[in-house]
Amino acid sequence: MRFKTLCSLTATMIIGLGMTSGPRTDSFSQKKPVNTGPKQLYSHIHTYIDTLNITDSTLKSKTILANGIFFPYTGKIQINYMKTNSTTPKIQRFCQANNNQIRLTIRHEKEHARKANLTKNTWFFEPSVRGAIAAHNEIMAPAAEIIEALDYRYETGEAYPTSKIFIRDADKIIVAEAQKRNLAWPLDFNNPHIARLVMQCATERFANEVKRGVYRKAISDAVLKYNDKQYITNDLCDSYRALVFKPQWNMWGPMWEFTSLRGPVNLWHAVDSEQKSKLTNTVDSIVTSIAGKKSMFFKYTKTR
């Protein structure tokens, strides 16, 4: 797979500083600058490709290889491009299948970066809420992949070339629903019927991954530990989103905001109460099974 250009996801902020003053008569006549409070710092997100060499022994070890990783405290998104010198068809197919996902992987990790100010500064929440936040974080990112894949279909007229079963299944049932209701393209993901299917498929994918052992440690750590290290908001985050994020009161809307070719999307606001309840019940069940029934009573364990 050839890559011509990797577009940086970094947004550059230019701050213009203006200063005005009257005619200078002496060193004491100049106005003192007004103290407007501490400046807001932003970490800038950088995306880069890391090449991994896959050998025959790599797959035999059954190691779970991540397609991409977001490093919140260094402001980096690492995308793994896999190559191999092996002549084994299985190894070659594995590398090709992974590399086909790069567009979805970038979208997935970018959503983690966009919501980092919601998912990292969580020490003041109850343990069970922290666990739920970690779970929602791993459900909304696959939902963004589904949106990306359906936007790709509109752009190309073809389904996204993926080996991910949940993407293929989501594409199939959402396209059928769009045809049934004669919906216009690019799809409006705020349509309650489409939003419900996106959230449903993303939730099912999360539950299946947990069964495989994925995300269990992340959820357990979120429940049993807390980190009071303040997260520096990155340049992809929306500061206002953090102000209205109230998961302890089941106000999850900011976590479920996305962009699409059709425009802004908020799946949480678009879906019906039944689908919200299904998601909430799934998350509560998984968090409880991982951390234990007494997780809501656990004392804070300070970590660094």
Protein backbone atom coordinates (compact mmCIF):
# COMPACT_ATOMS: atom_id res chain seq x y z
CA MET A 1 0.00 0.00 0.00
CA ARG A 2 1.50 3.30 -1.04
CA PHE A 3 1.35 6.42 1.04
CA LYS A 4 1.89 9.73 -0.76
CA THR A 5 1.31 12.06 2.11
CA LEU A 6 0.37 11.79 5.74
CA CYS A 7 -1.55 14.90 6.61
CA SER A 8 -0.84 16.17 10.05
CA LEU A 9 -3.79 16.44 12.32
CA THR A 10 -2.09 19.25 14.14
CA ALA A 11 -3.97 22.50 14.23
CA THR A 12 -1.66 25.48 14.57
CA MET A 13 -2.74 28.32 16.72
CA ILE A 14 -1.32 31.75 16.07
CA ILE A 15 -1.78 34.22 18.86
CA GLY A 16 -1.40 37.85 17.97
CA LEU A 17 -0.34 40.08 20.78
CA GLY A 18 -1.28 43.71 20.41
CA MET A 19 -0.08 46.52 22.61
CA THR A 20 -1.24 50.10 22.59
CA SER A 21 -0.08 52.99 24.70
CA GLY A 22 -0.19 56.77 24.71
CA PRO A 23 2.76 59.04 23.99
CA ARG A 24 5.65 58.33 26.30
CA THR A 25 6.62 61.18 28.63
CA ASP A 26 8.62 59.26 31.21
CA SER A 27 9.26 55.74 32.46
CA PHE A 28 6.28 55.88 34.83
CA SER A 29 3.66 57.02 32.34
CA GLN A 30 3.36 53.69 30.50
CA LYS A 31 0.29 51.63 31.24
CA LYS A 32 0.86 48.38 33.02
CA PRO A 33 -0.48 45.28 31.21
CA VAL A 34 -3.75 44.01 32.60
CA ASN A 35 -3.52 40.64 34.30
CA THR A 36 -6.09 38.49 32.54
CA GLY A 37 -5.26 35.39 34.52
CA PRO A 38 -3.16 32.34 33.65
CA LYS A 39 -2.75 31.54 29.98
CA GLN A 40 -4.42 28.37 28.73
CA LEU A 41 -1.85 25.88 27.52
CA TYR A 42 -2.53 23.43 24.73
CA SER A 43 -0.62 20.36 23.66
CA HIS A 44 -0.50 19.94 19.90
CA ILE A 45 -1.42 16.56 18.45
CA HIS A 46 1.06 15.06 16.00
CA THR A 47 0.32 11.96 13.92
CA TYR A 48 3.08 9.77 12.58
CA ILE A 49 3.56 6.38 10.92
CA ASP A 50 5.59 3.67 12.66
CA THR A 51 6.59 0.67 10.55
CA LEU A 52 6.43 -2.75 12.19
CA ASN A 53 8.16 -5.77 10.68
CA ILE A 54 5.88 -8.82 10.95
CA THR A 55 7.48 -12.25 10.95
CA ASP A 56 6.06 -15.75 11.00
CA SER A 57 6.68 -15.93 14.74
CA THR A 58 4.75 -12.70 15.37
CA LEU A 59 1.35 -14.26 14.72
CA LYS A 60 2.32 -17.52 16.37
CA SER A 61 2.89 -15.63 19.60
CA LYS A 62 -0.77 -14.48 19.43
CA THR A 63 0.26 -11.04 20.59
CA ILE A 64 -2.46 -8.42 20.13
CA LEU A 65 -1.02 -5.74 17.86
CA ALA A 66 -2.64 -2.33 17.99
CA ASN A 67 -3.33 -0.61 14.67
CA GLY A 68 -2.75 2.73 16.36
CA ILE A 69 -2.12 4.30 19.75
CA PHE A 70 -2.91 7.72 21.20
CA PHE A 71 -0.39 8.97 23.75
CA PRO A 72 -2.32 11.67 25.62
CA TYR A 73 0.51 13.11 27.68
CA THR A 74 2.95 13.45 24.78
CA GLY A 75 0.39 14.63 22.23
CA LYS A 76 1.17 11.89 19.70
CA ILE A 77 -0.92 9.52 17.63
CA GLN A 78 1.09 6.56 16.39
CA ILE A 79 -0.26 4.66 13.38
CA ASN A 80 1.30 1.25 12.79
CA TYR A 81 2.09 0.33 9.19
CA MET A 82 2.97 -3.34 8.92
CA LYS A 83 5.35 -4.87 6.42
CA THR A 84 6.84 -8.33 6.08
CA ASN A 85 9.56 -10.19 4.24
CA SER A 86 7.70 -13.44 4.79
CA THR A 87 6.41 -15.37 1.80
CA THR A 88 3.67 -16.94 3.90
CA PRO A 89 0.29 -15.88 2.41
CA LYS A 90 -1.30 -15.63 5.86
CA ILE A 91 1.32 -13.13 7.01
CA GLN A 92 1.00 -11.10 3.83
CA ARG A 93 -2.79 -10.99 4.13
CA PHE A 94 -2.51 -9.92 7.77
CA CYS A 95 -0.27 -6.97 6.89
CA GLN A 96 -2.43 -5.91 3.96
CA ALA A 97 -5.62 -6.14 6.02
CA ASN A 98 -4.09 -3.99 8.75
CA ASN A 99 -2.79 -1.37 6.33
CA ASN A 100 -6.20 -1.11 4.68
CA GLN A 101 -7.56 0.13 8.01
CA ILE A 102 -5.31 3.17 8.33
CA ARG A 103 -8.04 5.70 7.52
CA LEU A 104 -10.31 4.16 10.15
CA THR A 105 -7.45 3.89 12.63
CA ILE A 106 -6.62 7.57 12.29
CA ARG A 107 -10.28 8.45 12.86
CA HIS A 108 -10.44 6.13 15.88
CA GLU A 109 -7.36 7.58 17.59
CA LYS A 110 -8.28 11.12 16.64
CA GLU A 111 -11.59 10.72 18.50
CA HIS A 112 -9.69 9.61 21.60
CA ALA A 113 -7.61 12.78 21.27
CA ARG A 114 -10.67 14.99 20.76
CA LYS A 115 -12.30 13.60 23.92
CA ALA A 116 -9.14 13.43 26.05
CA ASN A 117 -10.21 16.36 28.24
CA LEU A 118 -13.24 14.25 29.18
CA THR A 119 -11.50 10.94 29.74
CA LYS A 120 -8.25 11.94 31.47
CA ASN A 121 -9.33 14.40 34.16
CA THR A 122 -11.59 11.97 36.00
CA TRP A 123 -10.11 11.70 39.50
CA PHE A 124 -13.02 13.59 41.09
CA PHE A 125 -15.63 11.06 39.87
CA GLU A 126 -16.78 8.02 41.83
CA PRO A 127 -14.94 4.81 40.87
CA SER A 128 -17.95 3.33 39.05
CA VAL A 129 -18.32 6.52 37.00
CA ARG A 130 -14.63 6.45 36.08
CA GLY A 131 -15.09 2.89 34.85
CA ALA A 132 -18.12 3.93 32.80
CA ILE A 133 -16.15 6.81 31.26
CA ALA A 134 -13.41 4.38 30.21
CA ALA A 135 -16.03 2.12 28.65
CA HIS A 136 -17.79 4.92 26.76
CA ASN A 137 -14.39 6.04 25.49
CA GLU A 138 -13.87 2.64 23.89
CA ILE A 139 -17.38 2.51 22.41
CA MET A 140 -17.56 5.98 20.89
CA ALA A 141 -14.27 5.52 18.95
CA PRO A 142 -15.58 2.50 16.97
CA ALA A 143 -18.78 4.49 16.40
CA ALA A 144 -16.61 7.15 14.75
CA GLU A 145 -15.08 4.43 12.56
CA ILE A 146 -18.56 3.45 11.39
CA ILE A 147 -19.33 7.06 10.49
CA GLU A 148 -16.02 7.29 8.62
CA ALA A 149 -16.73 4.07 6.71
CA LEU A 150 -20.20 5.24 5.64
CA ASP A 151 -18.79 8.60 4.54
CA TYR A 152 -16.24 6.64 2.49
CA ARG A 153 -19.10 4.78 0.84
CA TYR A 154 -20.64 8.10 -0.19
CA GLU A 155 -17.29 9.34 -1.54
CA THR A 156 -16.49 6.22 -3.56
CA GLY A 157 -19.78 4.42 -4.08
CA GLU A 158 -18.25 1.31 -2.51
CA ALA A 159 -18.09 -0.24 0.93
CA TYR A 160 -14.93 0.44 2.91
CA PRO A 161 -12.39 -2.35 2.18
CA THR A 162 -12.10 -3.73 5.68
CA SER A 163 -11.54 -7.00 7.44
CA LYS A 164 -13.30 -5.67 10.54
CA ILE A 165 -16.50 -7.64 10.94
CA PHE A 166 -18.27 -4.93 12.93
CA ILE A 167 -17.64 -2.37 10.17
CA ARG A 168 -18.91 -4.74 7.49
CA ASP A 169 -21.99 -5.60 9.53
CA ALA A 170 -22.69 -1.94 10.33
CA ASP A 171 -22.34 -0.97 6.67
CA LYS A 172 -24.75 -3.71 5.62
CA ILE A 173 -27.54 -2.93 8.08
CA ILE A 174 -27.20 0.86 7.87
CA VAL A 175 -27.26 0.85 4.06
CA ALA A 176 -30.36 -1.36 4.19
CA GLU A 177 -32.00 1.04 6.64
CA ALA A 178 -31.12 4.03 4.46
CA GLN A 179 -32.60 2.34 1.40
CA LYS A 180 -35.71 1.31 3.31
CA ARG A 181 -36.34 4.90 4.39
CA ASN A 182 -35.10 6.45 1.15
CA LEU A 183 -32.56 8.58 3.00
CA ALA A 184 -30.29 11.04 1.19
CA TRP A 185 -26.50 10.70 1.10
CA PRO A 186 -24.18 11.59 2.69
CA LEU A 187 -26.11 10.12 5.56
CA ASP A 188 -27.46 12.23 8.38
CA PHE A 189 -26.21 10.37 11.46
CA ASN A 190 -28.53 12.46 13.61
CA ASN A 191 -31.40 10.51 12.09
CA PRO A 192 -32.70 8.48 15.07
CA HIS A 193 -32.85 5.23 13.09
CA ILE A 194 -29.28 5.58 11.78
CA ALA A 195 -27.92 6.82 15.11
CA ARG A 196 -29.43 3.84 16.90
CA LEU A 197 -27.74 1.38 14.52
CA VAL A 198 -24.35 3.09 14.82
CA MET A 199 -24.48 3.01 18.62
CA GLN A 200 -25.80 -0.55 18.65
CA CYS A 201 -23.00 -1.87 16.42
CA ALA A 202 -20.32 0.01 18.35
CA THR A 203 -21.62 -1.31 21.68
CA GLU A 204 -21.72 -4.89 20.41
CA ARG A 205 -18.19 -4.56 19.13
CA PHE A 206 -17.00 -3.31 22.53
CA ALA A 207 -18.69 -6.21 24.35
CA ASN A 208 -17.07 -8.72 21.99
CA GLU A 209 -13.64 -7.17 22.46
CA VAL A 210 -14.01 -7.32 26.25
CA LYS A 211 -14.77 -11.05 25.92
CA ARG A 212 -11.43 -11.39 24.11
CA GLY A 213 -9.70 -9.71 27.03
CA VAL A 214 -9.26 -6.29 25.41
CA TYR A 215 -9.95 -3.16 27.52
CA ARG A 216 -10.26 -5.11 30.77
CA LYS A 217 -7.12 -3.64 32.32
CA ALA A 218 -8.01 -0.11 31.20
CA ILE A 219 -11.43 -0.34 32.84
CA SER A 220 -10.04 -1.98 35.99
CA ASP A 221 -7.40 0.75 36.34
CA ALA A 222 -10.02 3.45 35.84
CA VAL A 223 -12.13 2.02 38.66
CA LEU A 224 -9.47 1.03 41.17
CA LYS A 225 -7.07 3.93 40.72
CA TYR A 226 -7.14 7.62 40.04
CA ASN A 227 -4.56 10.01 38.76
CA ASP A 228 -4.77 13.62 39.92
CA LYS A 229 -2.25 14.74 37.29
CA GLN A 230 -4.02 17.47 35.36
CA TYR A 231 -4.39 16.77 31.67
CA ILE A 232 -3.35 19.69 29.47
CA THR A 233 -6.10 20.14 26.93
CA ASN A 234 -4.89 19.40 23.41
CA ASP A 235 -5.69 21.47 20.35
CA LEU A 236 -8.33 19.03 19.11
CA CYS A 237 -10.40 19.23 22.31
CA ASP A 238 -13.41 21.46 22.80
CA SER A 239 -13.11 23.22 26.17
CA TYR A 240 -16.85 23.88 26.37
CA ARG A 241 -17.52 20.16 25.98
CA ALA A 242 -15.84 19.49 29.33
CA LEU A 243 -18.08 22.00 31.10
CA VAL A 244 -21.30 20.22 30.10
CA PHE A 245 -20.01 16.66 30.51
CA LYS A 246 -21.85 15.23 33.53
CA PRO A 247 -21.64 11.43 33.35
CA GLN A 248 -22.61 11.05 37.00
CA TRP A 249 -26.04 12.37 35.94
CA ASN A 250 -26.14 10.30 32.75
CA MET A 251 -25.34 13.39 30.64
CA TRP A 252 -23.02 11.75 28.10
CA GLY A 253 -23.73 14.02 25.14
CA PRO A 254 -20.23 15.61 24.84
CA MET A 255 -18.64 12.15 24.56
CA TRP A 256 -20.83 11.34 21.55
CA GLU A 257 -20.21 14.40 19.41
CA PHE A 258 -18.68 13.73 15.99
CA THR A 259 -18.18 15.26 12.58
CA SER A 260 -19.38 13.79 9.29
CA LEU A 261 -19.66 14.82 5.67
CA ARG A 262 -23.25 15.84 6.36
CA GLY A 263 -22.28 18.00 9.34
CA PRO A 264 -22.06 17.81 13.17
CA VAL A 265 -23.38 14.66 14.86
CA ASN A 266 -24.45 13.86 18.42
CA LEU A 267 -25.47 10.23 18.68
CA TRP A 268 -26.40 10.46 22.36
CA HIS A 269 -28.95 13.16 21.66
CA ALA A 270 -30.20 11.43 18.52
CA VAL A 271 -30.93 7.93 19.84
CA ASP A 272 -34.05 6.96 21.77
CA SER A 273 -34.15 6.20 25.48
CA GLU A 274 -34.31 2.46 24.83
CA GLN A 275 -30.95 2.44 23.03
CA LYS A 276 -29.41 4.63 25.74
CA SER A 277 -30.61 2.15 28.36
CA LYS A 278 -29.11 -0.77 26.41
CA LEU A 279 -25.77 1.00 26.27
CA THR A 280 -25.90 1.95 29.95
CA ASN A 281 -26.83 -1.58 31.03
CA THR A 282 -24.04 -3.08 28.93
CA VAL A 283 -21.48 -0.68 30.39
CA ASP A 284 -22.66 -1.20 33.98
CA SER A 285 -22.59 -4.97 33.56
CA ILE A 286 -19.07 -5.00 32.11
CA VAL A 287 -17.65 -2.54 34.65
CA THR A 288 -19.15 -4.56 37.51
CA SER A 289 -17.88 -7.86 36.13
CA ILE A 290 -14.35 -6.47 35.76
CA ALA A 291 -14.06 -4.44 38.96
CA GLY A 292 -16.48 -6.27 41.23
CA LYS A 293 -19.86 -5.40 42.70
CA LYS A 294 -18.30 -3.27 45.45
CA SER A 295 -16.49 -1.00 42.99
CA MET A 296 -18.67 1.99 43.84
CA PHE A 297 -17.45 1.81 47.44
CA PHE A 298 -13.74 1.51 46.68
CA LYS A 299 -11.51 4.11 48.28
CA TYR A 300 -9.34 6.25 46.07
CA THR A 301 -5.87 4.87 45.50
CA LYS A 302 -3.55 7.68 44.49
CA THR A 303 -1.20 6.85 41.66
CA ARG A 304 1.45 8.70 39.75
